[in-house]
């Protein structure tokens, strides 16, 4: 069979296929068109929402740095400005020592699926240090369970975060001892964690030094 006859037969088969299945082909093309239009519409509204959130975010910050309560209107938006608004509100509420509200915002941020491990670990570490400080300032152990959750959200496989996580684990134990007015010398968890940190080659020297100072203060206070 010549090449021309092969091409003719192929064309006829294609023609017959289209003629036999033209209804299904039309339906498929219409569905593809609907999906394409839907995707473009979704992108349009998504970009518009981000633009509106951006304008609102910067206007609020520029107009009144002391009162950022209006940022709460942006915290439910599903975009980067929701995260930025929560971080800004956390910073402001920490300054004002409104730690209970900051604590709730930390939990909302860490529950977000939009954060990668690096950002989540950074926020979790910041939340842990902040709420340990808040526990001392307010003389309460109400935050201890949340602090443990924050520490567990730190990915210690990331560069630098192994040392931070171990320090926070130690600080949490010490905080619980102090708030409960327990004896540090008799607390095996605290002493074991101190020895783990001090004998680890993976812990940075600066964190070892900080932990050592706290350990010595607790021993001789």
Protein backbone atom coordinates (compact mmCIF):
# COMPACT_ATOMS: atom_id res chain seq x y z
CA UNK A 1 0.00 0.00 0.00
CA UNK A 2 1.34 3.41 -0.94
CA UNK A 3 1.96 6.16 1.53
CA UNK A 4 -0.88 8.19 -0.02
CA UNK A 5 -3.38 5.34 0.50
CA UNK A 6 -2.26 4.97 4.12
CA UNK A 7 -2.86 8.68 4.69
CA UNK A 8 -6.28 8.48 3.03
CA UNK A 9 -7.29 5.51 5.20
CA UNK A 10 -6.12 7.29 8.33
CA UNK A 11 -8.08 10.41 7.36
CA UNK A 12 -11.23 8.33 6.74
CA UNK A 13 -10.88 6.58 10.10
CA UNK A 14 -10.48 9.93 11.83
CA UNK A 15 -13.46 11.32 9.94
CA UNK A 16 -15.60 8.31 10.90
CA UNK A 17 -14.52 8.59 14.54
CA UNK A 18 -15.48 12.27 14.67
CA UNK A 19 -18.81 11.61 12.95
CA UNK A 20 -19.65 8.70 15.27
CA UNK A 21 -18.61 10.46 18.50
CA UNK A 22 -19.31 14.09 17.68
CA UNK A 23 -21.74 14.54 20.59
CA UNK A 24 -19.18 13.29 23.14
CA UNK A 25 -16.49 15.46 21.50
CA UNK A 26 -18.67 18.57 21.70
CA UNK A 27 -19.50 17.85 25.36
CA UNK A 28 -15.80 17.38 26.16
CA UNK A 29 -14.90 20.65 24.42
CA UNK A 30 -17.65 22.52 26.26
CA UNK A 31 -16.47 21.10 29.60
CA UNK A 32 -12.90 22.13 28.84
CA UNK A 33 -14.11 25.63 27.95
CA UNK A 34 -16.09 25.87 31.20
CA UNK A 35 -13.06 24.70 33.19
CA UNK A 36 -10.84 27.23 31.44
CA UNK A 37 -13.28 30.10 32.06
CA UNK A 38 -13.72 28.98 35.68
CA UNK A 39 -9.97 28.88 36.24
CA UNK A 40 -9.51 32.34 34.73
CA UNK A 41 -12.38 33.71 36.83
CA UNK A 42 -10.91 32.19 40.00
CA UNK A 43 -7.51 33.75 39.23
CA UNK A 44 -9.12 37.13 38.56
CA UNK A 45 -10.94 37.22 41.89
CA UNK A 46 -7.90 35.81 43.73
CA UNK A 47 -5.64 38.55 42.35
CA UNK A 48 -8.30 41.17 43.08
CA UNK A 49 -8.66 39.98 46.69
CA UNK A 50 -4.89 40.03 47.22
CA UNK A 51 -4.71 43.54 45.77
CA UNK A 52 -7.53 44.76 48.03
CA UNK A 53 -5.94 43.10 51.08
CA UNK A 54 -2.61 44.70 50.22
CA UNK A 55 -4.14 48.18 49.99
CA UNK A 56 -6.04 47.73 53.26
CA UNK A 57 -3.00 46.34 55.10
CA UNK A 58 -0.68 49.20 54.23
CA UNK A 59 -3.37 51.86 54.73
CA UNK A 60 -4.10 50.60 58.26
CA UNK A 61 -0.42 50.55 59.21
CA UNK A 62 0.26 53.96 57.70
CA UNK A 63 -2.77 55.69 59.21
CA UNK A 64 -2.51 54.42 62.79
CA UNK A 65 0.52 52.50 63.98
CA UNK A 66 -0.73 52.56 67.59
CA UNK A 67 -4.13 51.02 66.90
CA UNK A 68 -3.94 48.05 64.55
CA UNK A 69 -7.25 46.46 65.56
CA UNK A 70 -8.60 46.99 62.03
CA UNK A 71 -6.09 44.38 60.85
CA UNK A 72 -8.38 41.79 62.42
CA UNK A 73 -10.63 42.26 59.38
CA UNK A 74 -7.84 40.83 57.20
CA UNK A 75 -6.91 37.81 59.31
CA UNK A 76 -9.49 35.54 57.67
CA UNK A 77 -8.35 36.31 54.12
CA UNK A 78 -6.72 33.35 52.40
CA UNK A 79 -3.54 35.12 51.30
CA UNK A 80 -0.15 36.39 52.49
CA UNK A 81 -1.67 39.54 54.01
CA UNK A 82 -3.66 37.43 56.45
CA UNK A 83 -0.36 36.03 57.75
CA UNK A 84 1.28 39.47 57.80
CA UNK A 85 -1.71 40.92 59.66
CA UNK A 86 -1.51 38.22 62.32
CA UNK A 87 2.24 38.73 62.73
CA UNK A 88 1.76 42.48 63.07
CA UNK A 89 -1.04 41.99 65.61
CA UNK A 90 1.12 39.53 67.55
CA UNK A 91 3.97 42.03 67.69
CA UNK A 92 1.68 44.81 68.89
CA UNK A 93 -0.10 42.68 71.48
CA UNK A 94 3.21 41.38 72.81
CA UNK A 95 4.33 44.98 73.25
CA UNK A 96 1.12 45.66 75.18
CA UNK A 97 1.56 42.43 77.17
CA UNK A 98 -1.74 41.08 75.88
CA UNK A 99 -0.22 37.61 75.67
CA UNK A 100 -3.43 35.60 75.72
CA UNK A 101 -4.53 37.16 72.43
CA UNK A 102 -1.08 36.69 70.91
CA UNK A 103 -1.19 33.06 71.96
CA UNK A 104 -4.42 32.48 70.01
CA UNK A 105 -2.94 34.15 66.93
CA UNK A 106 0.18 31.97 67.18
CA UNK A 107 -2.03 28.88 67.19
CA UNK A 108 -3.98 30.09 64.17
CA UNK A 109 -0.77 30.78 62.25
CA UNK A 110 0.74 27.37 62.97
CA UNK A 111 -2.50 25.66 61.93
CA UNK A 112 -2.24 27.32 58.52
CA UNK A 113 -1.40 24.99 55.63
CA UNK A 114 0.18 27.91 53.73
CA UNK A 115 3.38 27.89 55.78
CA UNK A 116 6.45 25.89 54.82
CA UNK A 117 8.62 24.24 57.48
CA UNK A 118 11.08 27.13 57.75
CA UNK A 119 8.42 29.78 58.43
CA UNK A 120 6.47 27.44 60.70
CA UNK A 121 9.60 26.65 62.73
CA UNK A 122 10.50 30.33 63.00
CA UNK A 123 7.02 31.29 64.21
CA UNK A 124 6.89 28.30 66.58
CA UNK A 125 10.24 29.25 68.12
CA UNK A 126 9.16 32.87 68.51
CA UNK A 127 5.88 31.74 70.07
CA UNK A 128 7.72 29.46 72.51
CA UNK A 129 10.13 32.14 73.75
CA UNK A 130 7.33 34.71 73.97
CA UNK A 131 4.92 32.51 75.92
CA UNK A 132 7.66 31.30 78.29
CA UNK A 133 8.31 34.97 79.08
CA UNK A 134 4.54 35.54 79.39
CA UNK A 135 4.29 32.64 81.86
CA UNK A 136 6.80 34.36 84.15
CA UNK A 137 5.28 37.82 83.77
CA UNK A 138 1.75 36.60 84.48
CA UNK A 139 2.92 33.92 86.94
CA UNK A 140 0.72 31.34 85.27
CA UNK A 141 1.14 27.84 83.90
CA UNK A 142 -1.84 28.25 81.56
CA UNK A 143 0.42 28.51 78.53
CA UNK A 144 2.65 25.49 79.21
CA UNK A 145 0.67 22.99 77.12
CA UNK A 146 0.58 25.39 74.18
CA UNK A 147 4.32 26.03 74.50
CA UNK A 148 4.96 22.30 74.24
CA UNK A 149 2.87 22.22 71.05
CA UNK A 150 4.87 25.13 69.64
CA UNK A 151 8.16 23.39 70.43
CA UNK A 152 6.93 20.23 68.71
CA UNK A 153 6.20 22.31 65.61
CA UNK A 154 9.88 23.22 65.26
CA UNK A 155 11.59 21.10 62.62
CA UNK A 156 14.95 20.31 64.22
CA UNK A 157 16.29 19.02 60.90
CA UNK A 158 16.46 22.59 59.64
CA UNK A 159 19.83 24.29 59.95
CA UNK A 160 20.16 25.98 63.36
CA UNK A 161 16.83 24.84 64.75
CA UNK A 162 18.11 21.73 66.54
CA UNK A 163 19.93 23.90 69.10
CA UNK A 164 16.94 26.23 69.48
CA UNK A 165 14.52 23.35 70.02
CA UNK A 166 16.72 21.76 72.70
CA UNK A 167 17.13 25.07 74.51
CA UNK A 168 13.36 25.59 74.50
CA UNK A 169 12.75 22.08 75.82
CA UNK A 170 15.08 22.89 78.72
CA UNK A 171 13.52 26.32 79.32
CA UNK A 172 10.03 24.81 79.41
CA UNK A 173 11.09 22.35 82.13
CA UNK A 174 12.71 25.15 84.15
CA UNK A 175 9.64 27.36 83.72
CA UNK A 176 7.38 24.61 85.03
CA UNK A 177 9.71 24.07 88.01
CA UNK A 178 9.74 27.78 88.86
CA UNK A 179 6.00 28.27 88.50
CA UNK A 180 5.27 25.23 90.65
CA UNK A 181 7.97 26.30 93.15
CA UNK A 182 9.61 22.89 92.87
CA UNK A 183 13.23 21.96 93.57
CA UNK A 184 15.48 22.14 90.52
CA UNK A 185 18.17 19.98 92.14
CA UNK A 186 15.77 17.07 92.53
CA UNK A 187 14.22 17.31 89.08
CA UNK A 188 15.65 14.52 86.91
CA UNK A 189 14.02 15.88 83.74
CA UNK A 190 15.82 19.21 84.08
CA UNK A 191 19.18 17.68 84.92
CA UNK A 192 18.91 15.07 82.15
CA UNK A 193 18.00 17.75 79.59
CA UNK A 194 20.89 19.94 80.77
CA UNK A 195 23.35 17.03 80.39
CA UNK A 196 21.91 16.17 76.97
CA UNK A 197 22.49 19.72 75.76
CA UNK A 198 25.90 20.19 77.35
CA UNK A 199 27.25 16.87 76.02
CA UNK A 200 25.86 17.23 72.50
CA UNK A 201 28.21 18.14 69.69
CA UNK A 202 25.23 19.42 67.69
CA UNK A 203 24.29 22.21 70.09
CA UNK A 204 25.81 25.64 69.42
CA UNK A 205 28.29 27.07 71.92
CA UNK A 206 26.17 30.17 72.56
CA UNK A 207 23.13 28.12 73.54
CA UNK A 208 25.25 25.86 75.74
CA UNK A 209 26.54 28.94 77.53
CA UNK A 210 23.03 30.32 78.09
CA UNK A 211 21.78 26.98 79.37
CA UNK A 212 24.82 26.67 81.66
CA UNK A 213 24.12 30.06 83.24
CA UNK A 214 20.50 29.14 83.89
CA UNK A 215 21.57 25.75 85.29
CA UNK A 216 24.04 27.34 87.69
CA UNK A 217 21.54 29.99 88.76
CA UNK A 218 18.95 27.30 89.49
CA UNK A 219 21.46 25.25 91.48
CA UNK A 220 22.59 28.05 93.76
CA UNK A 221 19.65 30.41 94.04
